[in-house]
N, C-alpha and C. Protein backbone atom coordinates (compact mmCIF):
# COMPACT_ATOMS: atom_id res chain seq x y z
N MET A 1 56.85 -82.21 22.79
CA MET A 1 57.25 -81.16 21.86
C MET A 1 56.03 -80.38 20.63
N LYS A 2 55.57 -81.20 20.41
CA LYS A 2 54.55 -81.00 19.36
C LYS A 2 53.47 -80.70 20.02
N ARG A 3 52.74 -81.20 21.21
CA ARG A 3 51.83 -80.58 22.38
C ARG A 3 51.86 -79.40 22.60
N GLN A 4 53.34 -79.22 23.08
CA GLN A 4 53.52 -77.60 23.48
C GLN A 4 53.63 -76.97 22.01
N ILE A 5 53.85 -77.09 20.87
CA ILE A 5 53.55 -75.98 20.07
C ILE A 5 52.14 -76.27 19.53
N HIS A 6 51.50 -77.26 19.47
CA HIS A 6 49.89 -77.24 19.56
C HIS A 6 49.16 -76.31 20.02
N GLU A 7 49.39 -76.20 22.17
CA GLU A 7 49.20 -75.43 22.74
C GLU A 7 49.51 -73.97 22.08
N PHE A 8 50.26 -73.69 21.43
CA PHE A 8 51.03 -72.21 21.81
C PHE A 8 50.31 -72.04 20.75
N ARG A 9 50.29 -72.43 19.67
CA ARG A 9 49.14 -71.93 18.46
C ARG A 9 47.90 -71.66 19.09
N LYS A 10 47.47 -72.97 19.63
CA LYS A 10 46.16 -72.37 20.03
C LYS A 10 45.76 -71.27 21.00
N LYS A 11 46.75 -70.30 21.63
CA LYS A 11 46.14 -69.81 22.53
C LYS A 11 46.62 -68.28 21.60
N ILE A 12 47.38 -68.38 20.64
CA ILE A 12 47.74 -67.50 19.51
C ILE A 12 46.56 -67.33 18.72
N ASN A 13 46.25 -68.15 18.42
CA ASN A 13 44.32 -68.15 17.30
C ASN A 13 43.23 -67.76 18.23
N LYS A 14 43.59 -68.20 19.78
CA LYS A 14 42.23 -67.52 20.46
C LYS A 14 42.78 -66.30 21.34
N ASN A 15 44.17 -65.42 21.09
CA ASN A 15 44.44 -64.44 21.60
C ASN A 15 43.53 -63.45 19.88
N THR A 16 44.66 -64.01 18.87
CA THR A 16 43.81 -63.35 17.74
C THR A 16 42.79 -63.28 17.57
N MET A 17 41.67 -64.12 18.30
CA MET A 17 40.77 -64.08 18.34
C MET A 17 39.67 -63.87 18.59
N SER A 18 40.30 -63.18 19.90
CA SER A 18 40.16 -62.68 20.86
C SER A 18 40.41 -61.19 20.52
N LYS A 19 41.19 -60.82 19.82
CA LYS A 19 41.75 -59.61 19.50
C LYS A 19 40.54 -58.74 18.16
N SER A 20 40.39 -60.28 17.84
CA SER A 20 39.51 -59.59 16.78
C SER A 20 37.93 -59.07 16.57
N ASN A 21 37.34 -60.26 17.77
CA ASN A 21 36.28 -60.21 18.03
C ASN A 21 36.27 -58.15 18.96
N LYS A 22 37.91 -58.18 19.89
CA LYS A 22 37.40 -56.39 20.40
C LYS A 22 37.23 -55.61 19.50
N PHE A 23 37.83 -56.02 18.42
CA PHE A 23 38.00 -54.83 17.43
C PHE A 23 36.35 -54.49 16.55
N LYS A 24 36.19 -56.25 16.25
CA LYS A 24 34.47 -55.62 15.79
C LYS A 24 33.95 -55.09 16.68
N ILE A 25 33.71 -55.46 17.98
CA ILE A 25 32.89 -55.21 18.64
C ILE A 25 32.80 -53.17 19.31
N ILE A 26 34.25 -52.67 19.16
CA ILE A 26 34.60 -51.48 18.93
C ILE A 26 34.18 -50.91 18.02
N ALA A 27 34.50 -51.44 16.58
CA ALA A 27 34.03 -50.95 15.41
C ALA A 27 32.67 -50.61 15.37
N VAL A 28 31.69 -51.92 15.43
CA VAL A 28 30.04 -51.83 15.72
C VAL A 28 29.31 -50.53 16.77
N SER A 29 30.63 -50.38 18.17
CA SER A 29 30.36 -49.45 19.06
C SER A 29 30.48 -48.25 18.29
N LEU A 30 31.74 -47.94 17.68
CA LEU A 30 31.53 -46.32 16.88
C LEU A 30 30.85 -46.07 16.25
N VAL A 31 30.32 -46.93 15.16
CA VAL A 31 29.21 -46.96 14.69
C VAL A 31 27.89 -46.98 15.09
N CYS A 32 27.39 -48.01 15.80
CA CYS A 32 25.92 -47.26 17.02
C CYS A 32 26.66 -45.57 17.27
N ALA A 33 27.29 -45.07 17.76
CA ALA A 33 27.61 -44.12 18.56
C ALA A 33 27.64 -42.66 16.80
N VAL A 34 28.11 -42.90 16.44
CA VAL A 34 27.85 -41.89 15.18
C VAL A 34 26.70 -41.46 14.83
N ALA A 35 26.00 -43.12 14.80
CA ALA A 35 24.86 -43.07 14.27
C ALA A 35 23.36 -42.74 15.10
N SER A 36 23.86 -42.40 16.36
CA SER A 36 23.27 -42.14 17.16
C SER A 36 22.90 -40.43 17.40
N VAL A 37 24.48 -40.35 17.30
CA VAL A 37 24.50 -38.56 17.44
C VAL A 37 24.26 -38.25 16.14
N SER A 38 24.25 -38.70 15.58
CA SER A 38 24.39 -37.84 13.98
C SER A 38 22.54 -38.18 13.74
N CYS A 39 22.05 -39.34 13.93
CA CYS A 39 20.38 -39.10 14.30
C CYS A 39 19.69 -38.42 15.77
N ASN A 40 19.01 -37.46 14.78
CA ASN A 40 18.19 -36.51 15.98
C ASN A 40 16.78 -36.92 16.12
N ASN A 41 15.73 -36.79 16.83
CA ASN A 41 14.23 -36.66 17.50
C ASN A 41 13.76 -35.48 16.32
N ASP A 42 13.71 -35.61 15.23
CA ASP A 42 13.14 -33.89 14.61
C ASP A 42 12.16 -34.19 13.99
N ASP A 43 11.50 -35.69 13.76
CA ASP A 43 10.29 -35.95 13.34
C ASP A 43 9.43 -35.49 13.78
N ASP A 44 9.08 -34.71 15.35
CA ASP A 44 8.09 -34.04 15.39
C ASP A 44 8.44 -32.65 16.22
N ASN A 45 9.48 -31.91 15.68
CA ASN A 45 9.87 -30.51 15.27
C ASN A 45 9.35 -30.56 14.42
N ASN A 46 7.60 -30.21 13.64
CA ASN A 46 7.29 -29.57 12.68
C ASN A 46 6.55 -27.91 13.70
N PRO A 47 7.41 -27.02 13.45
CA PRO A 47 7.15 -25.67 13.52
C PRO A 47 5.63 -25.49 13.51
N MET A 48 4.49 -25.81 12.39
CA MET A 48 3.29 -25.48 13.11
C MET A 48 3.04 -26.11 13.97
N ALA A 49 3.29 -27.51 14.23
CA ALA A 49 2.72 -27.66 15.44
C ALA A 49 2.62 -26.87 16.92
N SER A 50 4.11 -26.91 16.85
CA SER A 50 3.83 -25.91 18.10
C SER A 50 4.36 -24.28 17.88
N ALA A 51 3.63 -23.92 16.70
CA ALA A 51 3.34 -22.57 16.77
C ALA A 51 2.35 -22.06 17.79
N ASP A 52 1.79 -20.70 18.59
CA ASP A 52 1.67 -20.18 19.22
C ASP A 52 -0.32 -19.59 18.70
N PHE A 53 -1.10 -20.17 18.38
CA PHE A 53 -2.06 -19.46 17.71
C PHE A 53 -2.93 -18.47 18.99
N SER A 54 -2.49 -18.71 20.01
CA SER A 54 -3.42 -17.65 20.57
C SER A 54 -3.25 -16.13 20.08
N GLY A 55 -4.68 -15.80 20.93
CA GLY A 55 -4.23 -13.72 21.03
C GLY A 55 -4.83 -13.48 20.02
N THR A 56 -4.78 -12.15 19.54
CA THR A 56 -5.95 -11.33 18.59
C THR A 56 -5.63 -11.42 16.79
N TYR A 57 -5.89 -11.72 15.52
CA TYR A 57 -5.79 -11.77 15.01
C TYR A 57 -6.67 -11.12 13.98
N VAL A 58 -6.16 -9.68 12.79
CA VAL A 58 -6.82 -8.62 12.14
C VAL A 58 -6.12 -9.38 10.91
N GLN A 59 -7.85 -8.75 10.03
CA GLN A 59 -7.62 -9.66 8.80
C GLN A 59 -6.38 -8.29 7.63
N GLN A 60 -6.22 -8.34 7.01
CA GLN A 60 -5.29 -7.71 6.70
C GLN A 60 -5.66 -7.29 4.79
N ASP A 61 -6.06 -8.64 4.18
CA ASP A 61 -6.20 -8.67 2.40
C ASP A 61 -7.01 -9.47 2.61
N GLN A 62 -8.06 -8.28 1.53
CA GLN A 62 -10.09 -9.63 0.84
C GLN A 62 -9.07 -9.46 -0.26
N MET A 63 -9.91 -10.45 -0.65
CA MET A 63 -9.79 -10.62 -2.43
C MET A 63 -9.98 -11.73 -3.32
N ALA A 64 -11.54 -11.97 -3.40
CA ALA A 64 -12.22 -12.79 -3.86
C ALA A 64 -12.33 -12.75 -5.51
N ARG A 65 -12.22 -11.43 -6.00
CA ARG A 65 -12.44 -11.51 -6.84
C ARG A 65 -11.24 -10.65 -7.42
N PRO A 66 -9.97 -11.29 -8.04
CA PRO A 66 -8.73 -10.37 -9.03
C PRO A 66 -9.48 -9.27 -8.96
N ALA A 67 -8.28 -8.28 -8.89
CA ALA A 67 -8.25 -6.74 -9.25
C ALA A 67 -9.23 -5.99 -8.33
N ILE A 68 -10.04 -6.35 -8.08
CA ILE A 68 -11.66 -5.26 -8.10
C ILE A 68 -11.08 -4.74 -6.52
N ASN A 69 -11.09 -5.36 -5.51
CA ASN A 69 -10.08 -4.88 -4.85
C ASN A 69 -9.12 -3.61 -5.23
N THR A 70 -8.28 -3.73 -6.23
CA THR A 70 -7.13 -3.11 -6.31
C THR A 70 -8.08 -1.34 -7.59
N VAL A 71 -8.85 -2.29 -8.38
CA VAL A 71 -9.23 -1.00 -9.08
C VAL A 71 -10.60 -0.33 -8.61
N PHE A 72 -10.95 -0.51 -7.80
CA PHE A 72 -12.48 0.09 -6.93
C PHE A 72 -12.11 1.04 -5.48
N ILE A 73 -11.02 0.85 -4.78
CA ILE A 73 -10.71 1.13 -3.99
C ILE A 73 -9.77 1.68 -3.66
N ALA A 74 -9.54 2.75 -3.61
CA ALA A 74 -8.03 3.82 -3.34
C ALA A 74 -7.57 3.16 -2.71
N SER A 75 -6.05 3.52 -2.32
CA SER A 75 -4.40 3.11 -1.49
C SER A 75 -4.73 3.29 -0.24
N GLY A 76 -3.80 2.90 0.52
CA GLY A 76 -4.21 3.58 1.64
C GLY A 76 -5.58 3.39 2.90
N GLN A 77 -5.46 4.12 3.65
CA GLN A 77 -6.69 3.79 4.10
C GLN A 77 -7.52 2.96 3.85
N PRO A 78 -8.57 3.92 2.80
CA PRO A 78 -9.81 2.76 2.30
C PRO A 78 -9.35 1.26 1.91
N LYS A 79 -8.22 1.43 1.49
CA LYS A 79 -8.67 -0.38 1.42
C LYS A 79 -7.61 -0.95 2.74
N ASP A 80 -7.10 -0.30 3.20
CA ASP A 80 -7.27 -0.68 4.91
C ASP A 80 -8.80 -1.49 5.10
N ASP A 81 -9.17 -0.88 5.54
CA ASP A 81 -10.68 -0.28 5.98
C ASP A 81 -11.55 -1.12 5.02
N PHE A 82 -11.52 -1.57 3.94
CA PHE A 82 -12.16 -2.25 2.90
C PHE A 82 -11.91 -3.91 3.20
N ASN A 83 -9.83 -3.92 3.09
CA ASN A 83 -9.72 -5.31 3.74
C ASN A 83 -10.24 -5.46 5.35
N ALA A 84 -10.70 -5.05 5.99
CA ALA A 84 -10.88 -5.21 7.28
C ALA A 84 -12.45 -5.87 7.30
N THR A 85 -13.22 -4.71 6.36
CA THR A 85 -14.61 -5.46 6.31
C THR A 85 -15.14 -6.54 6.01
N ILE A 86 -15.73 -7.45 7.04
CA ILE A 86 -16.58 -8.36 6.93
C ILE A 86 -17.32 -8.51 5.69
N PRO A 87 -17.21 -9.16 4.72
CA PRO A 87 -18.38 -9.51 3.79
C PRO A 87 -19.89 -9.20 3.96
N SER A 88 -20.42 -9.45 4.26
CA SER A 88 -21.93 -9.44 4.99
C SER A 88 -21.96 -7.57 5.22
N ALA A 89 -21.11 -7.17 5.31
CA ALA A 89 -21.43 -5.79 5.20
C ALA A 89 -20.63 -4.66 4.26
N MET A 90 -19.49 -5.44 3.19
CA MET A 90 -19.60 -4.98 2.66
C MET A 90 -20.15 -4.15 1.02
N GLY A 91 -21.33 -4.56 0.90
CA GLY A 91 -22.61 -4.09 -0.18
C GLY A 91 -22.77 -2.67 0.57
N ALA A 92 -23.30 -3.05 1.40
CA ALA A 92 -24.01 -2.16 2.31
C ALA A 92 -23.28 -0.27 2.21
N LYS A 93 -21.62 -0.84 2.77
CA LYS A 93 -20.64 0.06 3.00
C LYS A 93 -19.81 0.62 1.33
N TYR A 94 -20.14 0.14 0.03
CA TYR A 94 -18.94 -0.05 -0.42
C TYR A 94 -19.87 -0.02 -1.96
N GLN A 95 -21.18 0.01 -1.80
CA GLN A 95 -21.49 -0.04 -3.12
C GLN A 95 -21.09 1.32 -4.34
N GLY A 96 -21.81 2.35 -3.07
CA GLY A 96 -21.33 4.00 -4.00
C GLY A 96 -19.81 4.32 -4.32
N VAL A 97 -19.12 4.03 -3.51
CA VAL A 97 -18.26 3.99 -4.14
C VAL A 97 -17.37 3.35 -4.93
N PHE A 98 -18.03 2.22 -5.25
CA PHE A 98 -17.40 0.92 -6.71
C PHE A 98 -18.29 2.15 -7.91
N GLN A 99 -19.64 2.28 -7.95
CA GLN A 99 -20.25 2.51 -8.49
C GLN A 99 -19.32 4.83 -9.11
N SER A 100 -19.38 4.88 -7.89
CA SER A 100 -19.17 6.54 -8.44
C SER A 100 -17.73 6.12 -9.39
N ARG A 101 -16.31 4.65 -8.37
CA ARG A 101 -15.60 5.03 -9.40
C ARG A 101 -15.66 4.17 -10.99
N LEU A 102 -16.75 3.29 -10.87
CA LEU A 102 -17.05 2.38 -12.26
C LEU A 102 -17.21 3.58 -13.22
N LEU A 103 -18.04 4.65 -12.67
CA LEU A 103 -18.19 5.51 -13.97
C LEU A 103 -17.34 7.09 -14.37
N ALA A 104 -16.29 6.29 -12.81
CA ALA A 104 -14.87 7.27 -13.67
C ALA A 104 -14.12 7.03 -14.50
N LEU A 105 -13.96 5.62 -13.54
CA LEU A 105 -13.47 4.54 -14.70
C LEU A 105 -14.32 5.02 -16.52
N ASN A 106 -15.34 4.77 -16.29
CA ASN A 106 -16.13 4.88 -18.31
C ASN A 106 -17.30 5.42 -17.77
N SER A 107 -17.33 6.77 -18.04
CA SER A 107 -18.24 7.66 -17.74
C SER A 107 -19.79 7.53 -18.68
N GLY A 108 -18.80 6.68 -20.65
CA GLY A 108 -20.24 6.72 -20.67
C GLY A 108 -20.57 4.67 -20.32
N PHE A 109 -20.83 4.40 -19.05
CA PHE A 109 -21.37 3.41 -18.53
C PHE A 109 -22.91 3.34 -18.70
N THR A 110 -23.38 2.27 -19.75
CA THR A 110 -24.85 2.21 -19.18
C THR A 110 -25.17 0.85 -18.52
N THR A 111 -24.67 -0.05 -18.90
CA THR A 111 -24.84 -1.26 -19.20
C THR A 111 -24.26 -2.03 -19.06
N ASN A 112 -24.12 -3.51 -18.69
CA ASN A 112 -23.05 -4.68 -18.76
C ASN A 112 -23.48 -5.09 -19.98
N ALA A 113 -22.38 -6.12 -20.36
CA ALA A 113 -23.08 -7.19 -21.00
C ALA A 113 -23.60 -8.05 -20.54
N LEU A 114 -23.91 -7.96 -19.17
CA LEU A 114 -25.21 -9.19 -18.57
C LEU A 114 -26.06 -8.55 -17.99
N GLY A 115 -26.23 -7.13 -19.15
CA GLY A 115 -27.34 -6.76 -18.86
C GLY A 115 -27.40 -5.74 -17.46
N GLN A 116 -26.76 -5.15 -16.42
CA GLN A 116 -26.87 -5.14 -15.31
C GLN A 116 -26.25 -3.52 -15.10
N THR A 117 -27.01 -2.55 -14.27
CA THR A 117 -26.88 -0.96 -14.32
C THR A 117 -25.48 -0.66 -13.63
N ALA A 118 -25.30 0.51 -13.71
CA ALA A 118 -23.90 0.43 -13.16
C ALA A 118 -24.71 0.47 -11.29
N LEU A 119 -25.45 0.70 -10.89
CA LEU A 119 -25.64 0.28 -9.41
C LEU A 119 -26.12 -1.53 -9.45
N GLN A 120 -26.35 -2.25 -10.32
CA GLN A 120 -26.54 -3.83 -9.99
C GLN A 120 -25.21 -4.10 -10.20
N PHE A 121 -24.98 -3.38 -11.01
CA PHE A 121 -23.25 -3.97 -10.90
C PHE A 121 -22.28 -4.07 -10.23
N THR A 122 -22.19 -2.95 -9.54
CA THR A 122 -21.29 -2.21 -8.49
C THR A 122 -21.72 -2.92 -7.01
N GLY A 123 -22.93 -3.31 -7.10
CA GLY A 123 -23.67 -3.47 -5.79
C GLY A 123 -23.32 -5.40 -5.75
N LEU A 124 -23.32 -6.04 -7.06
CA LEU A 124 -22.73 -7.11 -7.14
C LEU A 124 -21.22 -7.34 -6.31
N LEU A 125 -20.49 -6.04 -7.33
CA LEU A 125 -18.87 -6.23 -6.97
C LEU A 125 -18.59 -5.96 -5.59
N ALA A 126 -18.86 -5.39 -5.48
CA ALA A 126 -18.96 -4.41 -3.58
C ALA A 126 -18.51 -5.93 -2.48
N THR A 127 -19.84 -6.77 -2.81
CA THR A 127 -19.47 -7.72 -1.37
C THR A 127 -17.98 -8.29 -2.78
N ASP A 128 -17.35 -8.45 -2.29
CA ASP A 128 -16.28 -8.94 -2.81
C ASP A 128 -15.94 -10.18 -2.35
N VAL A 129 -16.48 -11.37 -2.37
CA VAL A 129 -16.33 -12.72 -2.36
C VAL A 129 -16.99 -13.38 -3.76
N LEU A 130 -15.99 -14.89 -3.52
CA LEU A 130 -16.24 -15.59 -4.54
C LEU A 130 -17.20 -16.24 -4.25
N ASN A 131 -18.57 -16.97 -5.16
CA ASN A 131 -19.04 -17.17 -5.08
C ASN A 131 -18.79 -18.69 -5.92
N VAL A 132 -19.54 -19.93 -5.25
CA VAL A 132 -19.52 -21.73 -5.79
C VAL A 132 -20.91 -22.30 -5.10
N LYS A 133 -20.82 -22.33 -6.86
CA LYS A 133 -22.29 -23.28 -6.98
C LYS A 133 -21.94 -24.40 -6.92
N THR A 134 -22.48 -24.87 -5.91
CA THR A 134 -22.89 -26.51 -5.81
C THR A 134 -22.63 -27.25 -6.67
N SER A 135 -24.12 -27.28 -7.45
CA SER A 135 -23.85 -28.11 -8.60
C SER A 135 -23.33 -26.96 -9.56
N GLY A 136 -23.19 -27.99 -10.71
CA GLY A 136 -23.34 -27.68 -12.52
C GLY A 136 -21.32 -26.76 -12.66
N LYS A 137 -20.85 -25.68 -13.21
CA LYS A 137 -20.06 -25.92 -14.25
C LYS A 137 -19.66 -24.73 -12.98
N THR A 138 -17.72 -24.99 -12.23
CA THR A 138 -17.41 -23.58 -11.99
C THR A 138 -17.04 -22.80 -13.06
N THR A 139 -17.23 -21.66 -13.05
CA THR A 139 -16.27 -20.78 -14.10
C THR A 139 -16.20 -19.21 -13.35
N PHE A 140 -15.76 -17.97 -13.68
CA PHE A 140 -16.18 -17.06 -13.63
C PHE A 140 -16.88 -16.49 -14.49
N PHE A 141 -16.62 -16.92 -15.69
CA PHE A 141 -17.61 -16.53 -16.51
C PHE A 141 -17.52 -17.13 -18.05
N ASP A 142 -18.51 -17.66 -18.76
CA ASP A 142 -18.04 -18.81 -19.61
C ASP A 142 -19.01 -18.76 -21.03
N GLY A 143 -19.47 -17.39 -20.76
CA GLY A 143 -20.97 -16.49 -21.53
C GLY A 143 -22.13 -17.13 -21.28
N ALA A 144 -22.22 -18.43 -20.38
CA ALA A 144 -23.26 -18.67 -19.98
C ALA A 144 -23.39 -18.85 -18.86
N ASN A 145 -22.52 -19.47 -18.05
CA ASN A 145 -23.03 -19.48 -16.37
C ASN A 145 -21.76 -18.16 -15.90
N VAL A 146 -21.93 -17.30 -14.55
CA VAL A 146 -21.74 -16.29 -13.95
C VAL A 146 -21.85 -16.33 -12.78
N LEU A 147 -20.45 -16.30 -12.41
CA LEU A 147 -19.72 -16.58 -11.22
C LEU A 147 -20.42 -17.52 -10.64
N THR A 148 -20.40 -18.99 -10.94
CA THR A 148 -20.65 -19.85 -10.50
C THR A 148 -19.20 -20.67 -9.74
N GLY A 149 -18.24 -19.76 -9.52
CA GLY A 149 -16.15 -20.32 -8.50
C GLY A 149 -15.92 -19.73 -9.73
N ARG A 150 -14.39 -20.00 -10.23
CA ARG A 150 -13.82 -19.80 -10.68
C ARG A 150 -12.71 -21.26 -11.02
N ALA A 151 -12.34 -21.73 -12.26
CA ALA A 151 -11.61 -22.20 -12.56
C ALA A 151 -10.26 -21.84 -13.09
N LEU A 152 -9.24 -22.62 -12.87
CA LEU A 152 -7.54 -22.12 -12.39
C LEU A 152 -7.54 -20.84 -14.05
N ALA A 153 -8.33 -21.80 -15.23
CA ALA A 153 -7.79 -21.39 -16.66
C ALA A 153 -9.25 -19.77 -16.97
N ASP A 154 -9.83 -20.07 -16.43
CA ASP A 154 -10.59 -18.68 -16.50
C ASP A 154 -10.05 -17.65 -16.33
N ASP A 155 -10.60 -17.08 -17.34
CA ASP A 155 -9.60 -15.09 -17.68
C ASP A 155 -10.49 -14.02 -17.51
N VAL A 156 -9.84 -14.49 -15.65
CA VAL A 156 -11.12 -13.41 -15.04
C VAL A 156 -10.69 -11.96 -15.37
N ILE A 157 -9.49 -11.51 -15.58
CA ILE A 157 -9.51 -9.77 -16.08
C ILE A 157 -9.94 -9.16 -17.46
N ASP A 158 -9.41 -10.11 -17.90
CA ASP A 158 -10.36 -9.99 -19.58
C ASP A 158 -11.85 -10.06 -18.77
N VAL A 159 -13.03 -10.41 -18.12
CA VAL A 159 -14.14 -10.91 -17.69
C VAL A 159 -15.27 -9.56 -17.91
N GLU A 160 -13.92 -9.09 -16.24
CA GLU A 160 -13.49 -8.04 -15.83
C GLU A 160 -14.08 -6.67 -16.10
N LEU A 161 -12.87 -6.74 -17.33
CA LEU A 161 -12.46 -5.11 -18.28
C LEU A 161 -13.82 -5.54 -18.79
N LEU A 162 -14.61 -6.04 -19.79
CA LEU A 162 -15.27 -6.26 -20.55
C LEU A 162 -16.61 -6.14 -19.89
N LEU A 163 -17.01 -6.18 -18.61
CA LEU A 163 -17.90 -5.72 -17.97
C LEU A 163 -17.96 -4.48 -17.40
N ILE A 164 -16.55 -3.70 -17.24
CA ILE A 164 -16.24 -2.46 -16.74
C ILE A 164 -16.49 -1.83 -18.21
N PHE A 165 -15.52 -2.12 -19.91
CA PHE A 165 -15.91 -0.85 -20.44
C PHE A 165 -16.76 -1.56 -21.91
N GLY A 166 -17.32 -2.80 -21.07
CA GLY A 166 -17.31 -3.62 -23.23
C GLY A 166 -18.52 -2.47 -23.34
N GLY A 167 -19.44 -2.34 -22.41
CA GLY A 167 -21.15 -2.42 -22.41
C GLY A 167 -21.80 -3.18 -22.71
N PRO A 168 -23.30 -2.68 -23.10
CA PRO A 168 -24.51 -3.66 -23.77
C PRO A 168 -24.11 -4.98 -24.04
N THR A 169 -23.44 -4.48 -25.01
CA THR A 169 -22.71 -5.64 -26.03
C THR A 169 -21.14 -6.74 -26.09
N GLY A 170 -20.77 -5.54 -24.93
CA GLY A 170 -18.84 -6.20 -25.08
C GLY A 170 -18.11 -5.75 -25.54
N GLY A 171 -18.70 -4.91 -26.66
CA GLY A 171 -18.30 -4.63 -28.29
C GLY A 171 -17.19 -3.15 -28.22
N SER A 172 -18.15 -2.64 -26.95
CA SER A 172 -17.43 -1.24 -27.17
C SER A 172 -16.31 -0.62 -26.70
N ASN A 173 -15.51 0.24 -26.19
CA ASN A 173 -14.23 0.18 -25.99
C ASN A 173 -12.73 -1.36 -25.66
N PRO A 174 -13.02 -1.03 -27.88
CA PRO A 174 -12.14 -3.00 -27.49
C PRO A 174 -10.99 -3.05 -27.47
N GLY A 175 -10.20 -1.52 -27.22
CA GLY A 175 -8.89 -1.49 -26.23
C GLY A 175 -8.68 -1.49 -25.23
N LEU A 176 -9.89 -1.29 -24.32
CA LEU A 176 -9.79 -1.97 -22.59
C LEU A 176 -10.08 -3.18 -22.92
N THR A 177 -10.67 -3.89 -23.19
CA THR A 177 -12.24 -5.12 -22.40
C THR A 177 -10.58 -5.99 -22.74
N SER A 178 -9.59 -5.76 -22.35
CA SER A 178 -8.54 -6.88 -22.32
C SER A 178 -7.67 -7.11 -22.54
N ASP A 179 -6.93 -7.74 -21.66
CA ASP A 179 -5.16 -7.81 -20.54
C ASP A 179 -3.81 -8.29 -22.20
N ASN A 180 -5.00 -9.08 -22.86
CA ASN A 180 -4.12 -9.47 -23.89
C ASN A 180 -3.06 -10.74 -23.77
N VAL A 181 -3.45 -10.94 -22.19
CA VAL A 181 -2.53 -12.41 -21.94
C VAL A 181 -3.84 -13.59 -21.67
N ASN A 182 -3.71 -14.57 -22.66
CA ASN A 182 -4.91 -15.28 -23.02
C ASN A 182 -4.58 -16.99 -21.95
N ALA A 183 -4.01 -17.07 -21.09
CA ALA A 183 -3.17 -17.61 -20.63
C ALA A 183 -2.11 -18.53 -19.49
N ASN A 184 -2.62 -18.61 -18.84
CA ASN A 184 -1.12 -19.12 -17.42
C ASN A 184 -0.12 -19.41 -18.72
N ASP A 185 1.27 -18.85 -17.69
CA ASP A 185 2.35 -19.10 -18.17
C ASP A 185 3.06 -20.21 -18.59
N LYS A 186 2.80 -21.40 -17.50
CA LYS A 186 2.87 -22.26 -17.81
C LYS A 186 1.64 -23.35 -17.03
N ALA A 187 2.12 -24.41 -18.30
CA ALA A 187 0.35 -25.30 -17.70
C ALA A 187 -0.02 -25.89 -16.51
N PHE A 188 -0.89 -26.12 -16.33
CA PHE A 188 -1.75 -26.00 -14.60
C PHE A 188 -1.70 -27.51 -15.19
N THR A 189 -1.34 -28.59 -13.93
CA THR A 189 -1.59 -29.94 -13.60
C THR A 189 -2.48 -30.53 -13.78
N THR A 190 -2.58 -31.89 -13.52
CA THR A 190 -3.80 -32.29 -13.60
C THR A 190 -4.56 -33.35 -12.68
N GLY A 191 -3.15 -32.68 -11.98
CA GLY A 191 -3.51 -33.73 -10.73
C GLY A 191 -3.87 -32.10 -9.19
N PHE A 192 -4.64 -32.61 -7.86
CA PHE A 192 -5.14 -31.57 -7.00
C PHE A 192 -3.29 -31.25 -6.57
N PRO A 193 -3.68 -30.10 -6.39
CA PRO A 193 -4.00 -29.06 -6.30
C PRO A 193 -4.57 -28.02 -7.75
N TYR A 194 -3.91 -28.64 -8.83
CA TYR A 194 -3.89 -28.66 -9.89
C TYR A 194 -2.73 -27.13 -10.55
N LEU A 195 -2.39 -26.92 -9.38
CA LEU A 195 -1.59 -25.58 -10.37
C LEU A 195 -0.09 -25.86 -11.09
N ALA A 196 0.09 -24.86 -11.47
CA ALA A 196 1.65 -25.27 -11.96
C ALA A 196 2.96 -25.11 -11.49
N ALA A 197 3.37 -25.56 -11.50
CA ALA A 197 4.99 -25.69 -11.00
C ALA A 197 5.23 -24.56 -10.73
N ALA A 198 6.25 -24.13 -9.50
CA ALA A 198 6.97 -23.33 -9.51
C ALA A 198 8.30 -23.23 -11.06
N TRP A 199 8.93 -21.98 -11.10
CA TRP A 199 9.65 -22.07 -12.67
C TRP A 199 10.63 -22.27 -11.71
């Protein structure tokens, strides 16, 4: 009788273990199925990698020096034409337009703080590119270096206003030589790309 009881318990234990293993296998299978369905292979679904870059593109904007295009070129078709002009053709095509606009803005213009005449100054501005000096300081203007590049903290608009309205010493028309915005509204970062974080 004891032997029969022992055999019966052994069968019960075996069935229990078997059922327990079946539940474990089913549970593991369900977890794997859920994980397989939940995960997708979107690591290589970068929209830029699949974007179509074939075809012909049209240049829509040209703004190497902030506000120059806006101030010196009339809106509408003239601005569209300016934006589509290649930089090497800008000086010849737009110096006269820039000079007329400069003298309309400041009829008393003789020379600017850099000693440039209206012809020289507008000849420089009409080619709307951002110069970069490969050695030395990068700045839009710091009192000694002129257009050797542009640092993020450079007060570009004040420099431009001063050169347009400030006269030979920079002291003429003091109410027109600054936008009175002396710094970015948020600190620039110390690491590349150095731009301030978005608000």
